Amino acid sequence: MTITITAFERSPDGGQGLARDTRVRWALEEAGLPYEVRLVSFQAMKEAAHLALHPFGQIPTYEEGDLVLFETGAIVLHIAEHHPSLLPADANARARAVTWMFAALNTVEPPILELVTARLFEGDRPWTAERLPLVADRLRARLNQLAVRLGDGDWLDGGFSAGDLLMVSVLLRLRPSGLLNEFPGLAAYVARGEARPAYQRAFAAQLAINTAP
């Protein structure tokens, strides 16, 4: 059954792997599943056809037969539940991997996005100079907790899982700020994720779309 995902016709990051369709591409590559990509413009994302797939007018979406999903966490979990390369067989280890998926999206990503918003979209506000250090310090505290938990391990809980896939994807958003460099263990963790052949294929596919004439 054909899998189709949606992605930006032109990604705001120029194809540097920060758009959320990269996470879905990576999961599909790890699972060894072929897929098609339907590119949508910012205008098309707000039109009825796309809103029928994603009620909030965002990307990516996932279509497989009669199944339509949105939200990257839900999509990656669906892929992982059907392909053992992304979730361990042991029930307890599997539950822990799912916990890390939620932690990536609900605990680690929000303060990262707060920093991104403060730097890129609120940089000209009169209160930014005072607020930005507070936002960065809150994020540092969260990253320190994650770094302590990761310790010297290659991955968060034994072998690579969908929890690591989402956590690495989330942490990649830190790279433009330079904050990731303050945590060498996390920087090395992200590098291990980027070095995976499945990630390389996903990144290359998205970059090719955004660098094409």
N, C-alpha and C. Protein backbone atom coordinates (compact mmCIF):
# COMPACT_ATOMS: atom_id res chain seq x y z
N MET A 1 0.84 -1.18 0.00
CA MET A 1 0.00 0.00 0.00
C MET A 1 0.88 1.25 0.00
N THR A 2 0.62 2.18 -0.89
CA THR A 2 1.46 3.36 -1.05
C THR A 2 1.33 4.29 0.15
N ILE A 3 2.47 4.76 0.63
CA ILE A 3 2.53 5.77 1.69
C ILE A 3 2.85 7.11 1.05
N THR A 4 2.06 8.12 1.36
CA THR A 4 2.29 9.46 0.84
C THR A 4 2.37 10.43 2.01
N ILE A 5 3.41 11.25 2.03
CA ILE A 5 3.51 12.30 3.04
C ILE A 5 3.52 13.65 2.33
N THR A 6 3.20 14.69 3.08
CA THR A 6 3.28 16.03 2.52
C THR A 6 4.49 16.75 3.11
N ALA A 7 5.01 17.69 2.33
CA ALA A 7 6.17 18.47 2.75
C ALA A 7 6.07 19.85 2.12
N PHE A 8 6.85 20.78 2.66
CA PHE A 8 6.89 22.12 2.09
C PHE A 8 7.38 22.09 0.64
N GLU A 9 6.71 22.84 -0.21
CA GLU A 9 7.20 23.05 -1.57
C GLU A 9 8.56 23.76 -1.52
N ARG A 10 8.70 24.70 -0.60
CA ARG A 10 9.97 25.36 -0.29
C ARG A 10 10.03 25.53 1.22
N SER A 11 10.93 24.81 1.86
CA SER A 11 11.02 24.83 3.32
C SER A 11 11.63 26.14 3.81
N PRO A 12 11.12 26.70 4.91
CA PRO A 12 11.69 27.94 5.46
C PRO A 12 13.17 27.82 5.81
N ASP A 13 13.63 26.60 6.11
CA ASP A 13 15.04 26.43 6.49
C ASP A 13 15.93 26.11 5.29
N GLY A 14 15.35 26.13 4.09
CA GLY A 14 16.14 25.85 2.90
C GLY A 14 16.56 24.40 2.74
N GLY A 15 15.90 23.50 3.47
CA GLY A 15 16.21 22.08 3.34
C GLY A 15 17.29 21.60 4.28
N GLN A 16 17.45 22.27 5.42
CA GLN A 16 18.51 21.89 6.36
C GLN A 16 18.07 20.87 7.41
N GLY A 17 16.93 20.23 7.19
CA GLY A 17 16.50 19.15 8.07
C GLY A 17 15.69 19.57 9.27
N LEU A 18 15.30 20.85 9.37
CA LEU A 18 14.56 21.31 10.53
C LEU A 18 13.06 21.22 10.35
N ALA A 19 12.58 21.15 9.12
CA ALA A 19 11.14 20.98 8.90
C ALA A 19 10.71 19.61 9.41
N ARG A 20 9.50 19.54 9.91
CA ARG A 20 9.08 18.31 10.60
C ARG A 20 8.88 17.11 9.69
N ASP A 21 8.77 17.33 8.40
CA ASP A 21 8.66 16.16 7.53
C ASP A 21 9.94 15.34 7.55
N THR A 22 11.08 15.97 7.93
CA THR A 22 12.33 15.21 8.01
C THR A 22 12.22 14.08 9.01
N ARG A 23 11.52 14.31 10.12
CA ARG A 23 11.36 13.28 11.14
C ARG A 23 10.61 12.07 10.58
N VAL A 24 9.59 12.35 9.80
CA VAL A 24 8.80 11.26 9.21
C VAL A 24 9.61 10.54 8.14
N ARG A 25 10.30 11.31 7.31
CA ARG A 25 11.17 10.69 6.29
C ARG A 25 12.18 9.76 6.97
N TRP A 26 12.79 10.24 8.05
CA TRP A 26 13.81 9.45 8.76
C TRP A 26 13.21 8.15 9.27
N ALA A 27 12.03 8.22 9.89
CA ALA A 27 11.38 7.01 10.40
C ALA A 27 11.09 6.02 9.27
N LEU A 28 10.61 6.52 8.15
CA LEU A 28 10.31 5.64 7.01
C LEU A 28 11.59 5.02 6.46
N GLU A 29 12.67 5.79 6.45
CA GLU A 29 13.95 5.25 5.97
C GLU A 29 14.47 4.19 6.93
N GLU A 30 14.36 4.42 8.23
CA GLU A 30 14.79 3.42 9.22
C GLU A 30 13.99 2.14 9.06
N ALA A 31 12.71 2.27 8.75
CA ALA A 31 11.84 1.10 8.60
C ALA A 31 11.98 0.45 7.23
N GLY A 32 12.70 1.09 6.32
CA GLY A 32 12.87 0.54 4.99
C GLY A 32 11.61 0.59 4.15
N LEU A 33 10.78 1.59 4.37
CA LEU A 33 9.50 1.71 3.66
C LEU A 33 9.58 2.74 2.55
N PRO A 34 9.20 2.37 1.34
CA PRO A 34 9.13 3.36 0.26
C PRO A 34 7.98 4.33 0.50
N TYR A 35 8.13 5.54 0.04
CA TYR A 35 7.06 6.52 0.23
C TYR A 35 7.12 7.57 -0.88
N GLU A 36 6.01 8.23 -1.07
CA GLU A 36 5.93 9.33 -2.02
C GLU A 36 5.73 10.63 -1.25
N VAL A 37 6.11 11.73 -1.87
CA VAL A 37 5.99 13.04 -1.23
C VAL A 37 5.15 13.94 -2.12
N ARG A 38 4.14 14.54 -1.53
CA ARG A 38 3.34 15.55 -2.23
C ARG A 38 3.71 16.92 -1.65
N LEU A 39 4.28 17.76 -2.49
CA LEU A 39 4.73 19.06 -2.05
C LEU A 39 3.57 20.06 -2.04
N VAL A 40 3.50 20.86 -0.99
CA VAL A 40 2.43 21.84 -0.87
C VAL A 40 3.02 23.22 -0.61
N SER A 41 2.40 24.23 -1.19
CA SER A 41 2.81 25.61 -0.97
C SER A 41 2.16 26.12 0.31
N PHE A 42 2.61 27.28 0.79
CA PHE A 42 2.00 27.86 1.97
C PHE A 42 0.54 28.20 1.72
N GLN A 43 0.23 28.59 0.50
CA GLN A 43 -1.17 28.88 0.15
C GLN A 43 -2.00 27.60 0.18
N ALA A 44 -1.48 26.53 -0.41
CA ALA A 44 -2.23 25.27 -0.46
C ALA A 44 -2.46 24.69 0.92
N MET A 45 -1.55 24.97 1.86
CA MET A 45 -1.70 24.44 3.22
C MET A 45 -2.94 24.99 3.92
N LYS A 46 -3.45 26.13 3.45
CA LYS A 46 -4.62 26.76 4.08
C LYS A 46 -5.91 26.47 3.32
N GLU A 47 -5.80 25.69 2.26
CA GLU A 47 -6.98 25.40 1.45
C GLU A 47 -7.67 24.12 1.90
N ALA A 48 -8.91 23.96 1.46
CA ALA A 48 -9.77 22.89 1.97
C ALA A 48 -9.18 21.49 1.78
N ALA A 49 -8.55 21.25 0.66
CA ALA A 49 -8.02 19.91 0.39
C ALA A 49 -6.98 19.51 1.43
N HIS A 50 -6.11 20.44 1.78
CA HIS A 50 -5.08 20.10 2.78
C HIS A 50 -5.66 20.13 4.19
N LEU A 51 -6.58 21.05 4.45
CA LEU A 51 -7.18 21.12 5.78
C LEU A 51 -7.98 19.85 6.10
N ALA A 52 -8.43 19.15 5.08
CA ALA A 52 -9.12 17.88 5.31
C ALA A 52 -8.16 16.83 5.85
N LEU A 53 -6.87 17.00 5.54
CA LEU A 53 -5.85 16.07 6.03
C LEU A 53 -5.25 16.56 7.35
N HIS A 54 -5.06 17.86 7.46
CA HIS A 54 -4.45 18.45 8.66
C HIS A 54 -5.29 19.66 9.06
N PRO A 55 -6.09 19.54 10.10
CA PRO A 55 -7.03 20.62 10.45
C PRO A 55 -6.37 21.93 10.83
N PHE A 56 -5.06 21.89 11.13
CA PHE A 56 -4.36 23.12 11.53
C PHE A 56 -3.52 23.70 10.40
N GLY A 57 -3.63 23.09 9.21
CA GLY A 57 -2.97 23.65 8.05
C GLY A 57 -1.47 23.62 8.11
N GLN A 58 -0.91 22.50 8.59
CA GLN A 58 0.54 22.37 8.69
C GLN A 58 1.00 21.12 7.94
N ILE A 59 2.30 20.88 7.98
CA ILE A 59 2.87 19.65 7.43
C ILE A 59 3.71 19.00 8.52
N PRO A 60 3.94 17.70 8.44
CA PRO A 60 3.54 16.78 7.37
C PRO A 60 2.18 16.14 7.68
N THR A 61 1.66 15.50 6.65
CA THR A 61 0.57 14.56 6.84
C THR A 61 1.04 13.21 6.32
N TYR A 62 0.28 12.17 6.65
CA TYR A 62 0.65 10.80 6.30
C TYR A 62 -0.60 10.10 5.80
N GLU A 63 -0.53 9.55 4.60
CA GLU A 63 -1.66 8.81 4.03
C GLU A 63 -1.21 7.41 3.66
N GLU A 64 -1.98 6.44 4.08
CA GLU A 64 -1.71 5.03 3.78
C GLU A 64 -3.06 4.33 3.64
N GLY A 65 -3.50 4.15 2.39
CA GLY A 65 -4.84 3.61 2.18
C GLY A 65 -5.88 4.56 2.74
N ASP A 66 -6.75 4.03 3.61
CA ASP A 66 -7.80 4.84 4.22
C ASP A 66 -7.32 5.61 5.45
N LEU A 67 -6.09 5.37 5.86
CA LEU A 67 -5.57 6.01 7.06
C LEU A 67 -4.93 7.35 6.72
N VAL A 68 -5.35 8.39 7.44
CA VAL A 68 -4.75 9.72 7.31
C VAL A 68 -4.34 10.17 8.70
N LEU A 69 -3.07 10.55 8.86
CA LEU A 69 -2.57 11.01 10.14
C LEU A 69 -1.91 12.38 9.99
N PHE A 70 -1.92 13.16 11.08
CA PHE A 70 -1.12 14.36 11.17
C PHE A 70 -0.47 14.35 12.55
N GLU A 71 0.45 15.29 12.78
CA GLU A 71 1.31 15.36 13.97
C GLU A 71 2.45 14.34 13.86
N THR A 72 3.67 14.85 13.85
CA THR A 72 4.82 13.98 13.63
C THR A 72 4.96 12.89 14.68
N GLY A 73 4.66 13.21 15.94
CA GLY A 73 4.76 12.19 16.99
C GLY A 73 3.85 11.01 16.71
N ALA A 74 2.61 11.31 16.32
CA ALA A 74 1.65 10.24 16.02
C ALA A 74 2.08 9.44 14.80
N ILE A 75 2.59 10.14 13.80
CA ILE A 75 3.02 9.46 12.57
C ILE A 75 4.21 8.54 12.85
N VAL A 76 5.22 9.07 13.55
CA VAL A 76 6.39 8.26 13.85
C VAL A 76 6.02 7.07 14.74
N LEU A 77 5.13 7.28 15.69
CA LEU A 77 4.69 6.17 16.54
C LEU A 77 3.99 5.10 15.71
N HIS A 78 3.14 5.51 14.78
CA HIS A 78 2.45 4.55 13.92
C HIS A 78 3.46 3.72 13.12
N ILE A 79 4.44 4.39 12.53
CA ILE A 79 5.46 3.68 11.76
C ILE A 79 6.23 2.72 12.67
N ALA A 80 6.61 3.21 13.84
CA ALA A 80 7.42 2.41 14.77
C ALA A 80 6.67 1.19 15.28
N GLU A 81 5.38 1.32 15.50
CA GLU A 81 4.60 0.20 16.04
C GLU A 81 4.52 -0.96 15.06
N HIS A 82 4.73 -0.69 13.79
CA HIS A 82 4.61 -1.74 12.78
C HIS A 82 5.96 -2.21 12.24
N HIS A 83 7.04 -1.60 12.76
CA HIS A 83 8.36 -1.96 12.22
C HIS A 83 9.36 -2.02 13.38
N PRO A 84 9.87 -3.22 13.69
CA PRO A 84 10.67 -3.44 14.90
C PRO A 84 11.99 -2.69 14.95
N SER A 85 12.42 -2.09 13.85
CA SER A 85 13.68 -1.36 13.87
C SER A 85 13.60 -0.09 14.72
N LEU A 86 12.39 0.34 15.05
CA LEU A 86 12.23 1.61 15.77
C LEU A 86 11.73 1.46 17.20
N LEU A 87 11.27 0.29 17.57
CA LEU A 87 10.83 0.05 18.95
C LEU A 87 11.33 -1.33 19.39
N PRO A 88 11.84 -1.45 20.62
CA PRO A 88 12.33 -2.75 21.08
C PRO A 88 11.20 -3.76 21.25
N ALA A 89 11.55 -5.04 21.22
CA ALA A 89 10.55 -6.10 21.37
C ALA A 89 10.09 -6.24 22.81
N ASP A 90 11.00 -6.04 23.77
CA ASP A 90 10.64 -6.15 25.18
C ASP A 90 9.61 -5.09 25.54
N ALA A 91 8.54 -5.51 26.22
CA ALA A 91 7.42 -4.61 26.50
C ALA A 91 7.83 -3.41 27.34
N ASN A 92 8.65 -3.63 28.36
CA ASN A 92 9.06 -2.52 29.21
C ASN A 92 9.98 -1.55 28.47
N ALA A 93 10.92 -2.11 27.70
CA ALA A 93 11.81 -1.26 26.91
C ALA A 93 11.02 -0.47 25.87
N ARG A 94 10.01 -1.12 25.32
CA ARG A 94 9.15 -0.46 24.33
C ARG A 94 8.43 0.73 24.97
N ALA A 95 7.88 0.51 26.16
CA ALA A 95 7.17 1.58 26.86
C ALA A 95 8.12 2.74 27.19
N ARG A 96 9.35 2.43 27.56
CA ARG A 96 10.32 3.49 27.85
C ARG A 96 10.66 4.29 26.59
N ALA A 97 10.77 3.60 25.45
CA ALA A 97 11.06 4.29 24.19
C ALA A 97 9.93 5.25 23.84
N VAL A 98 8.70 4.82 24.04
CA VAL A 98 7.55 5.70 23.78
C VAL A 98 7.57 6.89 24.74
N THR A 99 7.98 6.65 25.99
CA THR A 99 8.10 7.74 26.95
C THR A 99 9.08 8.79 26.45
N TRP A 100 10.21 8.35 25.88
CA TRP A 100 11.19 9.30 25.36
C TRP A 100 10.65 10.04 24.14
N MET A 101 9.79 9.42 23.37
CA MET A 101 9.15 10.13 22.26
C MET A 101 8.34 11.31 22.79
N PHE A 102 7.54 11.04 23.83
CA PHE A 102 6.73 12.11 24.42
C PHE A 102 7.62 13.16 25.07
N ALA A 103 8.69 12.72 25.72
CA ALA A 103 9.60 13.67 26.38
C ALA A 103 10.23 14.61 25.36
N ALA A 104 10.61 14.08 24.21
CA ALA A 104 11.21 14.92 23.18
C ALA A 104 10.26 16.03 22.74
N LEU A 105 9.01 15.66 22.49
CA LEU A 105 8.05 16.62 21.94
C LEU A 105 7.40 17.50 22.98
N ASN A 106 7.21 16.98 24.19
CA ASN A 106 6.45 17.73 25.20
C ASN A 106 7.31 18.41 26.25
N THR A 107 8.53 17.91 26.48
CA THR A 107 9.37 18.45 27.55
C THR A 107 10.58 19.20 27.02
N VAL A 108 11.21 18.68 25.97
CA VAL A 108 12.44 19.29 25.47
C VAL A 108 12.18 20.29 24.35
N GLU A 109 11.28 19.97 23.43
CA GLU A 109 11.08 20.87 22.29
C GLU A 109 10.46 22.22 22.67
N PRO A 110 9.46 22.30 23.57
CA PRO A 110 8.85 23.61 23.85
C PRO A 110 9.84 24.69 24.28
N PRO A 111 10.77 24.46 25.21
CA PRO A 111 11.70 25.53 25.54
C PRO A 111 12.67 25.86 24.40
N ILE A 112 12.95 24.89 23.54
CA ILE A 112 13.79 25.17 22.37
C ILE A 112 13.04 26.10 21.42
N LEU A 113 11.77 25.82 21.19
CA LEU A 113 10.98 26.67 20.31
C LEU A 113 10.79 28.06 20.91
N GLU A 114 10.72 28.14 22.23
CA GLU A 114 10.62 29.44 22.89
C GLU A 114 11.87 30.27 22.60
N LEU A 115 13.04 29.63 22.64
CA LEU A 115 14.28 30.33 22.33
C LEU A 115 14.31 30.76 20.87
N VAL A 116 13.91 29.86 19.98
CA VAL A 116 13.88 30.19 18.55
C VAL A 116 12.98 31.39 18.30
N THR A 117 11.80 31.39 18.93
CA THR A 117 10.86 32.50 18.76
C THR A 117 11.45 33.80 19.28
N ALA A 118 12.06 33.74 20.46
CA ALA A 118 12.65 34.95 21.06
C ALA A 118 13.76 35.52 20.19
N ARG A 119 14.57 34.63 19.59
CA ARG A 119 15.71 35.11 18.80
C ARG A 119 15.30 35.60 17.42
N LEU A 120 14.43 34.84 16.75
CA LEU A 120 14.15 35.12 15.35
C LEU A 120 12.96 36.06 15.13
N PHE A 121 11.96 35.97 15.98
CA PHE A 121 10.72 36.70 15.73
C PHE A 121 10.45 37.83 16.72
N GLU A 122 11.19 37.87 17.80
CA GLU A 122 10.97 38.91 18.80
C GLU A 122 12.25 39.71 19.07
N GLY A 123 13.23 39.55 18.19
CA GLY A 123 14.53 40.18 18.42
C GLY A 123 14.50 41.69 18.46
N ASP A 124 13.47 42.30 17.84
CA ASP A 124 13.40 43.76 17.79
C ASP A 124 12.51 44.35 18.87
N ARG A 125 11.99 43.50 19.74
CA ARG A 125 11.12 44.01 20.80
C ARG A 125 11.95 44.64 21.92
N PRO A 126 11.40 45.66 22.57
CA PRO A 126 12.19 46.36 23.60
C PRO A 126 12.54 45.50 24.81
N TRP A 127 11.77 44.44 25.04
CA TRP A 127 12.01 43.60 26.21
C TRP A 127 12.85 42.37 25.90
N THR A 128 13.27 42.21 24.64
CA THR A 128 13.99 40.99 24.25
C THR A 128 15.33 40.86 24.97
N ALA A 129 16.08 41.95 25.08
CA ALA A 129 17.39 41.88 25.71
C ALA A 129 17.31 41.38 27.14
N GLU A 130 16.20 41.69 27.80
CA GLU A 130 16.02 41.25 29.18
C GLU A 130 15.46 39.83 29.24
N ARG A 131 14.62 39.49 28.31
CA ARG A 131 13.94 38.19 28.34
C ARG A 131 14.80 37.07 27.81
N LEU A 132 15.59 37.33 26.76
CA LEU A 132 16.32 36.27 26.08
C LEU A 132 17.24 35.48 27.02
N PRO A 133 18.01 36.13 27.91
CA PRO A 133 18.86 35.33 28.82
C PRO A 133 18.05 34.42 29.74
N LEU A 134 16.85 34.86 30.14
CA LEU A 134 16.01 34.03 31.00
C LEU A 134 15.53 32.79 30.24
N VAL A 135 15.12 32.98 28.99
CA VAL A 135 14.69 31.86 28.15
C VAL A 135 15.84 30.88 27.95
N ALA A 136 17.02 31.40 27.66
CA ALA A 136 18.19 30.55 27.42
C ALA A 136 18.57 29.78 28.68
N ASP A 137 18.49 30.42 29.84
CA ASP A 137 18.86 29.73 31.08
C ASP A 137 17.87 28.62 31.43
N ARG A 138 16.60 28.85 31.18
CA ARG A 138 15.61 27.79 31.42
C ARG A 138 15.89 26.60 30.51
N LEU A 139 16.26 26.88 29.28
CA LEU A 139 16.58 25.81 28.35
C LEU A 139 17.84 25.08 28.77
N ARG A 140 18.85 25.82 29.23
CA ARG A 140 20.09 25.18 29.69
C ARG A 140 19.81 24.20 30.83
N ALA A 141 18.93 24.59 31.73
CA ALA A 141 18.59 23.70 32.85
C ALA A 141 17.98 22.40 32.34
N ARG A 142 17.10 22.49 31.34
CA ARG A 142 16.48 21.29 30.78
C ARG A 142 17.50 20.44 30.04
N LEU A 143 18.38 21.08 29.29
CA LEU A 143 19.40 20.34 28.56
C LEU A 143 20.38 19.66 29.50
N ASN A 144 20.68 20.31 30.60
CA ASN A 144 21.58 19.70 31.58
C ASN A 144 20.96 18.43 32.16
N GLN A 145 19.65 18.47 32.42
CA GLN A 145 18.96 17.28 32.92
C GLN A 145 19.04 16.14 31.90
N LEU A 146 18.85 16.48 30.63
CA LEU A 146 18.91 15.46 29.57
C LEU A 146 20.33 14.92 29.45
N ALA A 147 21.33 15.81 29.52
CA ALA A 147 22.72 15.37 29.41
C ALA A 147 23.11 14.43 30.54
N VAL A 148 22.63 14.73 31.75
CA VAL A 148 22.92 13.87 32.90
C VAL A 148 22.31 12.49 32.68
N ARG A 149 21.08 12.46 32.19
CA ARG A 149 20.41 11.18 31.97
C ARG A 149 21.09 10.37 30.87
N LEU A 150 21.52 11.04 29.78
CA LEU A 150 22.21 10.34 28.70
C LEU A 150 23.55 9.80 29.18
N GLY A 151 24.26 10.59 29.99
CA GLY A 151 25.55 10.16 30.50
C GLY A 151 26.51 9.80 29.39
N ASP A 152 27.14 8.63 29.51
CA ASP A 152 28.09 8.16 28.50
C ASP A 152 27.45 7.23 27.48
N GLY A 153 26.13 7.08 27.54
CA GLY A 153 25.45 6.17 26.63
C GLY A 153 25.40 6.70 25.21
N ASP A 154 25.33 5.79 24.26
CA ASP A 154 25.16 6.19 22.87
C ASP A 154 23.75 6.70 22.62
N TRP A 155 22.78 6.01 23.26
CA TRP A 155 21.37 6.34 23.06
C TRP A 155 20.68 6.43 24.42
N LEU A 156 19.45 6.86 24.43
CA LEU A 156 18.77 7.17 25.68
C LEU A 156 18.45 5.95 26.53
N ASP A 157 18.20 4.82 25.89
CA ASP A 157 17.80 3.64 26.67
C ASP A 157 18.21 2.39 25.90
N GLY A 158 19.48 2.04 25.97
CA GLY A 158 19.95 0.87 25.23
C GLY A 158 20.18 1.21 23.77
N GLY A 159 19.52 0.46 22.88
CA GLY A 159 19.70 0.68 21.45
C GLY A 159 18.90 1.85 20.92
N PHE A 160 19.22 2.26 19.70
CA PHE A 160 18.52 3.34 19.03
C PHE A 160 17.04 3.01 18.90
N SER A 161 16.19 4.00 19.13
CA SER A 161 14.74 3.80 19.02
C SER A 161 14.08 5.06 18.47
N ALA A 162 12.77 5.00 18.30
CA ALA A 162 12.01 6.17 17.86
C ALA A 162 12.13 7.31 18.87
N GLY A 163 12.39 6.99 20.13
CA GLY A 163 12.62 8.04 21.12
C GLY A 163 13.85 8.85 20.78
N ASP A 164 14.92 8.18 20.36
CA ASP A 164 16.13 8.88 19.95
C ASP A 164 15.91 9.65 18.66
N LEU A 165 15.17 9.07 17.74
CA LEU A 165 14.90 9.74 16.46
C LEU A 165 14.26 11.10 16.71
N LEU A 166 13.24 11.13 17.56
CA LEU A 166 12.57 12.40 17.83
C LEU A 166 13.43 13.34 18.67
N MET A 167 14.17 12.79 19.64
CA MET A 167 15.00 13.65 20.48
C MET A 167 16.11 14.31 19.66
N VAL A 168 16.77 13.55 18.80
CA VAL A 168 17.81 14.13 17.95
C VAL A 168 17.20 15.19 17.03
N SER A 169 16.04 14.91 16.46
CA SER A 169 15.38 15.87 15.58
C SER A 169 15.07 17.17 16.30
N VAL A 170 14.63 17.06 17.54
CA VAL A 170 14.33 18.23 18.35
C VAL A 170 15.60 19.02 18.66
N LEU A 171 16.65 18.32 19.08
CA LEU A 171 17.90 18.99 19.46
C LEU A 171 18.58 19.67 18.27
N LEU A 172 18.34 19.17 17.07
CA LEU A 172 18.91 19.80 15.89
C LEU A 172 18.49 21.26 15.75
N ARG A 173 17.34 21.60 16.30
CA ARG A 173 16.87 22.98 16.23
C ARG A 173 17.76 23.94 17.02
N LEU A 174 18.59 23.39 17.89
CA LEU A 174 19.49 24.23 18.68
C LEU A 174 20.72 24.68 17.91
N ARG A 175 21.05 24.00 16.85
CA ARG A 175 22.34 24.24 16.19
C ARG A 175 22.54 25.70 15.78
N PRO A 176 21.55 26.38 15.19
CA PRO A 176 21.79 27.77 14.81
C PRO A 176 22.11 28.69 15.99
N SER A 177 21.63 28.34 17.18
CA SER A 177 21.87 29.19 18.35
C SER A 177 23.25 29.01 18.96
N GLY A 178 23.91 27.89 18.65
CA GLY A 178 25.21 27.58 19.25
C GLY A 178 25.10 26.99 20.64
N LEU A 179 23.89 26.90 21.19
CA LEU A 179 23.72 26.44 22.56
C LEU A 179 24.08 24.96 22.71
N LEU A 180 23.89 24.18 21.65
CA LEU A 180 24.20 22.76 21.73
C LEU A 180 25.68 22.53 22.03
N ASN A 181 26.53 23.45 21.61
CA ASN A 181 27.97 23.30 21.82
C ASN A 181 28.35 23.36 23.30
N GLU A 182 27.45 23.89 24.13
CA GLU A 182 27.72 23.94 25.57
C GLU A 182 27.57 22.57 26.24
N PHE A 183 27.04 21.63 25.50
CA PHE A 183 26.78 20.29 26.04
C PHE A 183 27.41 19.26 25.10
N PRO A 184 28.71 19.00 25.25
CA PRO A 184 29.42 18.11 24.32
C PRO A 184 28.80 16.72 24.19
N GLY A 185 28.28 16.20 25.31
CA GLY A 185 27.66 14.88 25.25
C GLY A 185 26.42 14.88 24.36
N LEU A 186 25.62 15.93 24.45
CA LEU A 186 24.42 16.02 23.61
C LEU A 186 24.79 16.30 22.17
N ALA A 187 25.84 17.12 21.96
CA ALA A 187 26.29 17.39 20.59
C ALA A 187 26.76 16.09 19.92
N ALA A 188 27.47 15.24 20.67
CA ALA A 188 27.93 13.97 20.13
C ALA A 188 26.75 13.03 19.86
N TYR A 189 25.76 13.09 20.73
CA TYR A 189 24.53 12.29 20.57
C TYR A 189 23.82 12.67 19.27
N VAL A 190 23.68 13.96 19.04
CA VAL A 190 23.05 14.44 17.81
C VAL A 190 23.87 14.00 16.59
N ALA A 191 25.18 14.11 16.70
CA ALA A 191 26.04 13.70 15.58
C ALA A 191 25.87 12.21 15.26
N ARG A 192 25.70 11.38 16.30
CA ARG A 192 25.47 9.95 16.05
C ARG A 192 24.17 9.75 15.29
N GLY A 193 23.14 10.51 15.64
CA GLY A 193 21.88 10.40 14.92
C GLY A 193 22.02 10.81 13.47
N GLU A 194 22.72 11.93 13.25
CA GLU A 194 22.91 12.42 11.88
C GLU A 194 23.75 11.46 11.04
N ALA A 195 24.60 10.69 11.68
CA ALA A 195 25.47 9.77 10.96
C ALA A 195 24.75 8.51 10.49
N ARG A 196 23.56 8.27 10.99
CA ARG A 196 22.84 7.06 10.60
C ARG A 196 22.48 7.16 9.11
N PRO A 197 22.69 6.08 8.36
CA PRO A 197 22.39 6.12 6.92
C PRO A 197 20.94 6.53 6.62
N ALA A 198 20.01 6.10 7.46
CA ALA A 198 18.61 6.45 7.23
C ALA A 198 18.40 7.96 7.34
N TYR A 199 19.05 8.58 8.32
CA TYR A 199 18.94 10.04 8.45
C TYR A 199 19.57 10.71 7.23
N GLN A 200 20.72 10.22 6.81
CA GLN A 200 21.39 10.81 5.66
C GLN A 200 20.51 10.78 4.42
N ARG A 201 19.80 9.68 4.23
CA ARG A 201 18.90 9.58 3.07
C ARG A 201 17.74 10.56 3.20
N ALA A 202 17.17 10.66 4.40
CA ALA A 202 16.06 11.57 4.63
C ALA A 202 16.49 13.02 4.42
N PHE A 203 17.64 13.37 4.96
CA PHE A 203 18.15 14.74 4.82
C PHE A 203 18.40 15.08 3.36
N ALA A 204 19.04 14.15 2.64
CA ALA A 204 19.37 14.38 1.25
C ALA A 204 18.11 14.57 0.40
N ALA A 205 17.07 13.80 0.72
CA ALA A 205 15.83 13.90 -0.05
C ALA A 205 15.18 15.26 0.14
N GLN A 206 15.17 15.75 1.38
CA GLN A 206 14.57 17.05 1.62
C GLN A 206 15.41 18.18 1.03
N LEU A 207 16.72 18.06 1.16
CA LEU A 207 17.62 19.08 0.62
C LEU A 207 17.49 19.18 -0.89
N ALA A 208 17.35 18.04 -1.55
CA ALA A 208 17.25 18.02 -3.02
C ALA A 208 16.04 18.81 -3.50
N ILE A 209 14.94 18.71 -2.77
CA ILE A 209 13.74 19.45 -3.14
C ILE A 209 13.98 20.95 -3.03
N ASN A 210 14.67 21.35 -1.99
CA ASN A 210 14.82 22.79 -1.71
C ASN A 210 15.97 23.44 -2.46
N THR A 211 16.83 22.64 -3.08
CA THR A 211 17.93 23.20 -3.86
C THR A 211 17.71 23.01 -5.36
N ALA A 212 16.62 22.37 -5.73
CA ALA A 212 16.31 22.19 -7.15
C ALA A 212 15.95 23.54 -7.77
N PRO A 213 16.23 23.73 -9.05
CA PRO A 213 15.86 24.98 -9.72
C PRO A 213 14.37 25.23 -9.64
